[in-house]
Amino acid sequence: MSCCFEGENPNVRKSYWYTLLGGCARGVWSFSVLSGYLYVLSNGSNWSVGLAEGIQGGAQAFVAIFGGVLADSWRRDRVLGLAGIVGLIA
């Protein structure tokens, strides 16, 4: 894999790994795997799965609005830095 990154900035490699690992985590958390797992854990309760998915969607909408306001009022590098820190904490 080192042949792909020869002569590249070290941050490019870090960005690729962060994107790969973040995509895998997002796939488990946001898509069908989480819903199926919650369905099994709740003994087949669609209501519990719907409640959990609704809370997740509401949180995503809130953060998207907040992020949009920050992006409009702060410099891009500060918003991206804050997003990176929050992503690492989460």
PDB file of N, CA and C in Angstrom:
ATOM      1  N   MET A   1       0.818  -1.196   0.000  1.00  0.00           N
ATOM      2  CA  MET A   1       0.000   0.000   0.000  1.00  0.00           C
ATOM      3  C   MET A   1       0.859   1.257   0.000  1.00  0.00           C
ATOM      4  N   SER A   2       2.117   1.135   0.378  1.00  0.00           N
ATOM      5  CA  SER A   2       2.978   2.309   0.412  1.00  0.00           C
ATOM      6  C   SER A   2       3.238   2.866  -0.988  1.00  0.00           C
ATOM      7  N   CYS A   3       3.124   2.030  -2.017  1.00  0.00           N
ATOM      8  CA  CYS A   3       3.349   2.518  -3.375  1.00  0.00           C
ATOM      9  C   CYS A   3       2.297   3.535  -3.795  1.00  0.00           C
ATOM     10  N   CYS A   4       1.139   3.446  -3.229  1.00  0.00           N
ATOM     11  CA  CYS A   4       0.056   4.364  -3.587  1.00  0.00           C
ATOM     12  C   CYS A   4       0.275   5.758  -3.022  1.00  0.00           C
ATOM     13  N   PHE A   5       1.061   5.847  -1.943  1.00  0.00           N
ATOM     14  CA  PHE A   5       1.218   7.123  -1.254  1.00  0.00           C
ATOM     15  C   PHE A   5       2.617   7.705  -1.383  1.00  0.00           C
ATOM     16  N   GLU A   6       3.455   7.174  -2.275  1.00  0.00           N
ATOM     17  CA  GLU A   6       4.812   7.688  -2.416  1.00  0.00           C
ATOM     18  C   GLU A   6       4.779   9.130  -2.884  1.00  0.00           C
ATOM     19  N   GLY A   7       5.508   9.977  -2.153  1.00  0.00           N
ATOM     20  CA  GLY A   7       5.582  11.384  -2.516  1.00  0.00           C
ATOM     21  C   GLY A   7       4.381  12.196  -2.090  1.00  0.00           C
ATOM     22  N   GLU A   8       3.421  11.591  -1.437  1.00  0.00           N
ATOM     23  CA  GLU A   8       2.225  12.310  -0.989  1.00  0.00           C
ATOM     24  C   GLU A   8       2.470  12.935   0.380  1.00  0.00           C
ATOM     25  N   ASN A   9       1.713  13.925   0.677  1.00  0.00           N
ATOM     26  CA  ASN A   9       1.716  14.540   1.998  1.00  0.00           C
ATOM     27  C   ASN A   9       1.228  13.507   3.015  1.00  0.00           C
ATOM     28  N   PRO A  10       1.841  13.399   4.201  1.00  0.00           N
ATOM     29  CA  PRO A  10       1.390  12.417   5.204  1.00  0.00           C
ATOM     30  C   PRO A  10      -0.073  12.604   5.612  1.00  0.00           C
ATOM     31  N   ASN A  11      -0.568  13.814   5.486  1.00  0.00           N
ATOM     32  CA  ASN A  11      -1.967  14.054   5.844  1.00  0.00           C
ATOM     33  C   ASN A  11      -2.934  13.380   4.881  1.00  0.00           C
ATOM     34  N   VAL A  12      -2.495  13.133   3.655  1.00  0.00           N
ATOM     35  CA  VAL A  12      -3.340  12.445   2.679  1.00  0.00           C
ATOM     36  C   VAL A  12      -3.598  11.019   3.153  1.00  0.00           C
ATOM     37  N   ARG A  13      -2.569  10.339   3.594  1.00  0.00           N
ATOM     38  CA  ARG A  13      -2.721   8.968   4.099  1.00  0.00           C
ATOM     39  C   ARG A  13      -3.641   8.949   5.320  1.00  0.00           C
ATOM     40  N   LYS A  14      -3.456   9.895   6.242  1.00  0.00           N
ATOM     41  CA  LYS A  14      -4.309   9.969   7.427  1.00  0.00           C
ATOM     42  C   LYS A  14      -5.760  10.220   7.032  1.00  0.00           C
ATOM     43  N   SER A  15      -5.957  11.077   6.042  1.00  0.00           N
ATOM     44  CA  SER A  15      -7.308  11.375   5.584  1.00  0.00           C
ATOM     45  C   SER A  15      -7.975  10.150   4.984  1.00  0.00           C
ATOM     46  N   TYR A  16      -7.242   9.376   4.199  1.00  0.00           N
ATOM     47  CA  TYR A  16      -7.801   8.156   3.616  1.00  0.00           C
ATOM     48  C   TYR A  16      -8.196   7.155   4.704  1.00  0.00           C
ATOM     49  N   TRP A  17      -7.321   6.950   5.679  1.00  0.00           N
ATOM     50  CA  TRP A  17      -7.638   6.007   6.762  1.00  0.00           C
ATOM     51  C   TRP A  17      -8.818   6.489   7.593  1.00  0.00           C
ATOM     52  N   TYR A  18      -8.851   7.793   7.888  1.00  0.00           N
ATOM     53  CA  TYR A  18      -9.961   8.347   8.667  1.00  0.00           C
ATOM     54  C   TYR A  18     -11.283   8.155   7.913  1.00  0.00           C
ATOM     55  N   THR A  19     -11.257   8.405   6.614  1.00  0.00           N
ATOM     56  CA  THR A  19     -12.466   8.246   5.804  1.00  0.00           C
ATOM     57  C   THR A  19     -12.910   6.786   5.746  1.00  0.00           C
ATOM     58  N   LEU A  20     -11.974   5.867   5.576  1.00  0.00           N
ATOM     59  CA  LEU A  20     -12.304   4.447   5.536  1.00  0.00           C
ATOM     60  C   LEU A  20     -12.907   3.980   6.853  1.00  0.00           C
ATOM     61  N   LEU A  21     -12.244   4.284   7.957  1.00  0.00           N
ATOM     62  CA  LEU A  21     -12.737   3.835   9.259  1.00  0.00           C
ATOM     63  C   LEU A  21     -14.044   4.535   9.638  1.00  0.00           C
ATOM     64  N   GLY A  22     -14.134   5.808   9.313  1.00  0.00           N
ATOM     65  CA  GLY A  22     -15.379   6.528   9.590  1.00  0.00           C
ATOM     66  C   GLY A  22     -16.545   5.985   8.777  1.00  0.00           C
ATOM     67  N   GLY A  23     -16.293   5.624   7.530  1.00  0.00           N
ATOM     68  CA  GLY A  23     -17.350   5.047   6.696  1.00  0.00           C
ATOM     69  C   GLY A  23     -17.815   3.697   7.216  1.00  0.00           C
ATOM     70  N   CYS A  24     -16.871   2.889   7.680  1.00  0.00           N
ATOM     71  CA  CYS A  24     -17.258   1.586   8.258  1.00  0.00           C
ATOM     72  C   CYS A  24     -18.110   1.781   9.510  1.00  0.00           C
ATOM     73  N   ALA A  25     -17.688   2.690  10.378  1.00  0.00           N
ATOM     74  CA  ALA A  25     -18.446   2.947  11.600  1.00  0.00           C
ATOM     75  C   ALA A  25     -19.825   3.521  11.284  1.00  0.00           C
ATOM     76  N   ARG A  26     -19.877   4.430  10.323  1.00  0.00           N
ATOM     77  CA  ARG A  26     -21.165   5.027   9.942  1.00  0.00           C
ATOM     78  C   ARG A  26     -22.087   3.985   9.328  1.00  0.00           C
ATOM     79  N   GLY A  27     -21.518   3.043   8.596  1.00  0.00           N
ATOM     80  CA  GLY A  27     -22.325   1.981   8.009  1.00  0.00           C
ATOM     81  C   GLY A  27     -22.994   1.120   9.061  1.00  0.00           C
ATOM     82  N   VAL A  28     -22.282   0.844  10.137  1.00  0.00           N
ATOM     83  CA  VAL A  28     -22.864   0.046  11.219  1.00  0.00           C
ATOM     84  C   VAL A  28     -23.888   0.865  11.981  1.00  0.00           C
ATOM     85  N   TRP A  29     -23.569   2.121  12.256  1.00  0.00           N
ATOM     86  CA  TRP A  29     -24.427   2.938  13.116  1.00  0.00           C
ATOM     87  C   TRP A  29     -25.677   3.435  12.385  1.00  0.00           C
ATOM     88  N   SER A  30     -25.535   3.876  11.174  1.00  0.00           N
ATOM     89  CA  SER A  30     -26.625   4.594  10.524  1.00  0.00           C
ATOM     90  C   SER A  30     -27.518   3.761   9.620  1.00  0.00           C
ATOM     91  N   PHE A  31     -27.064   2.629   9.171  1.00  0.00           N
ATOM     92  CA  PHE A  31     -27.821   1.918   8.164  1.00  0.00           C
ATOM     93  C   PHE A  31     -28.475   0.672   8.737  1.00  0.00           C
ATOM     94  N   SER A  32     -28.705  -0.313   7.953  1.00  0.00           N
ATOM     95  CA  SER A  32     -29.554  -1.438   8.320  1.00  0.00           C
ATOM     96  C   SER A  32     -29.009  -2.310   9.443  1.00  0.00           C
ATOM     97  N   VAL A  33     -27.721  -2.288   9.692  1.00  0.00           N
ATOM     98  CA  VAL A  33     -27.175  -3.158  10.738  1.00  0.00           C
ATOM     99  C   VAL A  33     -27.715  -2.755  12.102  1.00  0.00           C
ATOM    100  N   LEU A  34     -27.737  -1.456  12.387  1.00  0.00           N
ATOM    101  CA  LEU A  34     -28.236  -0.998  13.681  1.00  0.00           C
ATOM    102  C   LEU A  34     -29.706  -1.340  13.853  1.00  0.00           C
ATOM    103  N   SER A  35     -30.507  -1.127  12.832  1.00  0.00           N
ATOM    104  CA  SER A  35     -31.937  -1.425  12.931  1.00  0.00           C
ATOM    105  C   SER A  35     -32.182  -2.900  13.208  1.00  0.00           C
ATOM    106  N   GLY A  36     -31.478  -3.754  12.497  1.00  0.00           N
ATOM    107  CA  GLY A  36     -31.624  -5.190  12.723  1.00  0.00           C
ATOM    108  C   GLY A  36     -31.186  -5.605  14.110  1.00  0.00           C
ATOM    109  N   TYR A  37     -30.097  -5.020  14.580  1.00  0.00           N
ATOM    110  CA  TYR A  37     -29.589  -5.345  15.912  1.00  0.00           C
ATOM    111  C   TYR A  37     -30.577  -4.887  16.990  1.00  0.00           C
ATOM    112  N   LEU A  38     -31.125  -3.691  16.837  1.00  0.00           N
ATOM    113  CA  LEU A  38     -32.113  -3.204  17.798  1.00  0.00           C
ATOM    114  C   LEU A  38     -33.374  -4.066  17.780  1.00  0.00           C
ATOM    115  N   TYR A  39     -33.760  -4.519  16.604  1.00  0.00           N
ATOM    116  CA  TYR A  39     -34.944  -5.373  16.484  1.00  0.00           C
ATOM    117  C   TYR A  39     -34.748  -6.677  17.260  1.00  0.00           C
ATOM    118  N   VAL A  40     -33.561  -7.249  17.147  1.00  0.00           N
ATOM    119  CA  VAL A  40     -33.266  -8.492  17.870  1.00  0.00           C
ATOM    120  C   VAL A  40     -33.201  -8.229  19.375  1.00  0.00           C
ATOM    121  N   LEU A  41     -32.554  -7.148  19.767  1.00  0.00           N
ATOM    122  CA  LEU A  41     -32.424  -6.833  21.193  1.00  0.00           C
ATOM    123  C   LEU A  41     -33.763  -6.535  21.859  1.00  0.00           C
ATOM    124  N   SER A  42     -34.690  -5.964  21.099  1.00  0.00           N
ATOM    125  CA  SER A  42     -35.988  -5.582  21.669  1.00  0.00           C
ATOM    126  C   SER A  42     -37.038  -6.669  21.505  1.00  0.00           C
ATOM    127  N   ASN A  43     -36.618  -7.876  21.208  1.00  0.00           N
ATOM    128  CA  ASN A  43     -37.534  -9.017  21.043  1.00  0.00           C
ATOM    129  C   ASN A  43     -38.596  -8.768  19.976  1.00  0.00           C
ATOM    130  N   GLY A  44     -38.191  -8.185  18.869  1.00  0.00           N
ATOM    131  CA  GLY A  44     -39.094  -8.001  17.737  1.00  0.00           C
ATOM    132  C   GLY A  44     -40.031  -6.817  17.854  1.00  0.00           C
ATOM    133  N   SER A  45     -39.662  -5.801  18.626  1.00  0.00           N
ATOM    134  CA  SER A  45     -40.518  -4.633  18.794  1.00  0.00           C
ATOM    135  C   SER A  45     -40.187  -3.576  17.745  1.00  0.00           C
ATOM    136  N   ASN A  46     -41.112  -3.379  16.802  1.00  0.00           N
ATOM    137  CA  ASN A  46     -40.919  -2.338  15.800  1.00  0.00           C
ATOM    138  C   ASN A  46     -40.965  -0.952  16.415  1.00  0.00           C
ATOM    139  N   TRP A  47     -41.761  -0.795  17.475  1.00  0.00           N
ATOM    140  CA  TRP A  47     -41.880   0.505  18.130  1.00  0.00           C
ATOM    141  C   TRP A  47     -40.539   0.942  18.702  1.00  0.00           C
ATOM    142  N   SER A  48     -39.809   0.050  19.339  1.00  0.00           N
ATOM    143  CA  SER A  48     -38.501   0.392  19.914  1.00  0.00           C
ATOM    144  C   SER A  48     -37.504   0.774  18.834  1.00  0.00           C
ATOM    145  N   VAL A  49     -37.524   0.045  17.739  1.00  0.00           N
ATOM    146  CA  VAL A  49     -36.619   0.361  16.632  1.00  0.00           C
ATOM    147  C   VAL A  49     -36.986   1.721  16.044  1.00  0.00           C
ATOM    148  N   GLY A  50     -38.252   1.979  15.852  1.00  0.00           N
ATOM    149  CA  GLY A  50     -38.696   3.261  15.312  1.00  0.00           C
ATOM    150  C   GLY A  50     -38.347   4.424  16.219  1.00  0.00           C
ATOM    151  N   LEU A  51     -38.491   4.220  17.526  1.00  0.00           N
ATOM    152  CA  LEU A  51     -38.143   5.268  18.479  1.00  0.00           C
ATOM    153  C   LEU A  51     -36.655   5.581  18.426  1.00  0.00           C
ATOM    154  N   ALA A  52     -35.824   4.551  18.418  1.00  0.00           N
ATOM    155  CA  ALA A  52     -34.374   4.755  18.370  1.00  0.00           C
ATOM    156  C   ALA A  52     -33.953   5.434  17.064  1.00  0.00           C
ATOM    157  N   GLU A  53     -34.510   5.005  15.949  1.00  0.00           N
ATOM    158  CA  GLU A  53     -34.172   5.606  14.662  1.00  0.00           C
ATOM    159  C   GLU A  53     -34.686   7.048  14.574  1.00  0.00           C
ATOM    160  N   GLY A  54     -35.850   7.316  15.163  1.00  0.00           N
ATOM    161  CA  GLY A  54     -36.381   8.676  15.180  1.00  0.00           C
ATOM    162  C   GLY A  54     -35.524   9.626  16.000  1.00  0.00           C
ATOM    163  N   ILE A  55     -35.051   9.153  17.141  1.00  0.00           N
ATOM    164  CA  ILE A  55     -34.159   9.964  17.967  1.00  0.00           C
ATOM    165  C   ILE A  55     -32.855  10.245  17.224  1.00  0.00           C
ATOM    166  N   GLN A  56     -32.344   9.232  16.561  1.00  0.00           N
ATOM    167  CA  GLN A  56     -31.106   9.408  15.794  1.00  0.00           C
ATOM    168  C   GLN A  56     -31.313  10.425  14.668  1.00  0.00           C
ATOM    169  N   GLY A  57     -32.415  10.333  13.956  1.00  0.00           N
ATOM    170  CA  GLY A  57     -32.693  11.279  12.879  1.00  0.00           C
ATOM    171  C   GLY A  57     -32.872  12.699  13.385  1.00  0.00           C
ATOM    172  N   GLY A  58     -33.549  12.840  14.517  1.00  0.00           N
ATOM    173  CA  GLY A  58     -33.716  14.165  15.114  1.00  0.00           C
ATOM    174  C   GLY A  58     -32.386  14.779  15.522  1.00  0.00           C
ATOM    175  N   ALA A  59     -31.518  13.959  16.091  1.00  0.00           N
ATOM    176  CA  ALA A  59     -30.192  14.449  16.478  1.00  0.00           C
ATOM    177  C   ALA A  59     -29.382  14.864  15.252  1.00  0.00           C
ATOM    178  N   GLN A  60     -29.479  14.085  14.177  1.00  0.00           N
ATOM    179  CA  GLN A  60     -28.762  14.442  12.948  1.00  0.00           C
ATOM    180  C   GLN A  60     -29.286  15.754  12.368  1.00  0.00           C
ATOM    181  N   ALA A  61     -30.587  15.965  12.404  1.00  0.00           N
ATOM    182  CA  ALA A  61     -31.161  17.211  11.890  1.00  0.00           C
ATOM    183  C   ALA A  61     -30.712  18.407  12.726  1.00  0.00           C
ATOM    184  N   PHE A  62     -30.690  18.246  14.043  1.00  0.00           N
ATOM    185  CA  PHE A  62     -30.259  19.328  14.929  1.00  0.00           C
ATOM    186  C   PHE A  62     -28.802  19.692  14.657  1.00  0.00           C
ATOM    187  N   VAL A  63     -27.945  18.691  14.568  1.00  0.00           N
ATOM    188  CA  VAL A  63     -26.527  18.938  14.339  1.00  0.00           C
ATOM    189  C   VAL A  63     -26.296  19.539  12.951  1.00  0.00           C
ATOM    190  N   ALA A  64     -27.072  19.119  11.959  1.00  0.00           N
ATOM    191  CA  ALA A  64     -26.915  19.672  10.608  1.00  0.00           C
ATOM    192  C   ALA A  64     -27.261  21.160  10.586  1.00  0.00           C
ATOM    193  N   ILE A  65     -28.317  21.547  11.280  1.00  0.00           N
ATOM    194  CA  ILE A  65     -28.692  22.966  11.339  1.00  0.00           C
ATOM    195  C   ILE A  65     -27.623  23.761  12.078  1.00  0.00           C
ATOM    196  N   PHE A  66     -27.175  23.243  13.214  1.00  0.00           N
ATOM    197  CA  PHE A  66     -26.130  23.900  13.997  1.00  0.00           C
ATOM    198  C   PHE A  66     -24.839  24.013  13.187  1.00  0.00           C
ATOM    199  N   GLY A  67     -24.474  22.959  12.477  1.00  0.00           N
ATOM    200  CA  GLY A  67     -23.270  22.989  11.642  1.00  0.00           C
ATOM    201  C   GLY A  67     -23.391  23.990  10.503  1.00  0.00           C
ATOM    202  N   GLY A  68     -24.580  24.109   9.935  1.00  0.00           N
ATOM    203  CA  GLY A  68     -24.792  25.083   8.873  1.00  0.00           C
ATOM    204  C   GLY A  68     -24.632  26.512   9.358  1.00  0.00           C
ATOM    205  N   VAL A  69     -25.153  26.788  10.542  1.00  0.00           N
ATOM    206  CA  VAL A  69     -25.006  28.127  11.121  1.00  0.00           C
ATOM    207  C   VAL A  69     -23.530  28.420  11.397  1.00  0.00           C
ATOM    208  N   LEU A  70     -22.807  27.433  11.945  1.00  0.00           N
ATOM    209  CA  LEU A  70     -21.376  27.621  12.194  1.00  0.00           C
ATOM    210  C   LEU A  70     -20.612  27.841  10.894  1.00  0.00           C
ATOM    211  N   ALA A  71     -20.948  27.080   9.869  1.00  0.00           N
ATOM    212  CA  ALA A  71     -20.252  27.209   8.588  1.00  0.00           C
ATOM    213  C   ALA A  71     -20.478  28.584   7.966  1.00  0.00           C
ATOM    214  N   ASP A  72     -21.642  29.173   8.217  1.00  0.00           N
ATOM    215  CA  ASP A  72     -21.925  30.493   7.666  1.00  0.00           C
ATOM    216  C   ASP A  72     -21.285  31.614   8.467  1.00  0.00           C
ATOM    217  N   SER A  73     -20.992  31.369   9.743  1.00  0.00           N
ATOM    218  CA  SER A  73     -20.504  32.461  10.581  1.00  0.00           C
ATOM    219  C   SER A  73     -19.022  32.361  10.941  1.00  0.00           C
ATOM    220  N   TRP A  74     -18.405  31.195  10.848  1.00  0.00           N
ATOM    221  CA  TRP A  74     -16.986  31.016  11.181  1.00  0.00           C
ATOM    222  C   TRP A  74     -16.192  30.732   9.919  1.00  0.00           C
ATOM    223  N   ARG A  75     -14.873  30.823  10.072  1.00  0.00           N
ATOM    224  CA  ARG A  75     -13.987  30.450   8.975  1.00  0.00           C
ATOM    225  C   ARG A  75     -14.024  28.939   8.775  1.00  0.00           C
ATOM    226  N   ARG A  76     -13.788  28.523   7.538  1.00  0.00           N
ATOM    227  CA  ARG A  76     -13.873  27.104   7.177  1.00  0.00           C
ATOM    228  C   ARG A  76     -12.892  26.246   7.972  1.00  0.00           C
ATOM    229  N   ASP A  77     -11.661  26.703   8.158  1.00  0.00           N
ATOM    230  CA  ASP A  77     -10.676  25.889   8.862  1.00  0.00           C
ATOM    231  C   ASP A  77     -11.062  25.673  10.327  1.00  0.00           C
ATOM    232  N   ARG A  78     -11.702  26.648  10.936  1.00  0.00           N
ATOM    233  CA  ARG A  78     -12.148  26.488  12.329  1.00  0.00           C
ATOM    234  C   ARG A  78     -13.303  25.499  12.437  1.00  0.00           C
ATOM    235  N   VAL A  79     -14.231  25.582  11.503  1.00  0.00           N
ATOM    236  CA  VAL A  79     -15.367  24.651  11.511  1.00  0.00           C
ATOM    237  C   VAL A  79     -14.879  23.220  11.285  1.00  0.00           C
ATOM    238  N   LEU A  80     -13.964  23.032  10.341  1.00  0.00           N
ATOM    239  CA  LEU A  80     -13.431  21.695  10.080  1.00  0.00           C
ATOM    240  C   LEU A  80     -12.628  21.170  11.268  1.00  0.00           C
ATOM    241  N   GLY A  81     -11.872  22.044  11.912  1.00  0.00           N
ATOM    242  CA  GLY A  81     -11.129  21.631  13.109  1.00  0.00           C
ATOM    243  C   GLY A  81     -12.053  21.216  14.231  1.00  0.00           C
ATOM    244  N   LEU A  82     -13.103  22.000  14.455  1.00  0.00           N
ATOM    245  CA  LEU A  82     -14.092  21.653  15.478  1.00  0.00           C
ATOM    246  C   LEU A  82     -14.805  20.351  15.139  1.00  0.00           C
ATOM    247  N   ALA A  83     -15.151  20.162  13.872  1.00  0.00           N
ATOM    248  CA  ALA A  83     -15.805  18.913  13.456  1.00  0.00           C
ATOM    249  C   ALA A  83     -14.897  17.723  13.671  1.00  0.00           C
ATOM    250  N   GLY A  84     -13.611  17.863  13.408  1.00  0.00           N
ATOM    251  CA  GLY A  84     -12.668  16.786  13.644  1.00  0.00           C
ATOM    252  C   GLY A  84     -12.560  16.424  15.115  1.00  0.00           C
ATOM    253  N   ILE A  85     -12.526  17.435  15.968  1.00  0.00           N
ATOM    254  CA  ILE A  85     -12.436  17.188  17.420  1.00  0.00           C
ATOM    255  C   ILE A  85     -13.697  16.502  17.919  1.00  0.00           C
ATOM    256  N   VAL A  86     -14.851  16.995  17.510  1.00  0.00           N
ATOM    257  CA  VAL A  86     -16.112  16.386  17.929  1.00  0.00           C
ATOM    258  C   VAL A  86     -16.212  14.963  17.402  1.00  0.00           C
ATOM    259  N   GLY A  87     -15.765  14.729  16.174  1.00  0.00           N
ATOM    260  CA  GLY A  87     -15.782  13.372  15.616  1.00  0.00           C
ATOM    261  C   GLY A  87     -14.906  12.416  16.388  1.00  0.00           C
ATOM    262  N   LEU A  88     -13.756  12.875  16.839  1.00  0.00           N
ATOM    263  CA  LEU A  88     -12.875  12.016  17.628  1.00  0.00           C
ATOM    264  C   LEU A  88     -13.462  11.729  19.009  1.00  0.00           C
ATOM    265  N   ILE A  89     -14.107  12.711  19.602  1.00  0.00           N
ATOM    266  CA  ILE A  89     -14.717  12.516  20.921  1.00  0.00           C
ATOM    267  C   ILE A  89     -15.903  11.579  20.829  1.00  0.00           C
ATOM    268  N   ALA A  90     -16.704  11.752  19.777  1.00  0.00           N
ATOM    269  CA  ALA A  90     -17.903  10.918  19.629  1.00  0.00           C
ATOM    270  C   ALA A  90     -17.509   9.499  19.330  1.00  0.00           C
TER     271      ALA A  90
END
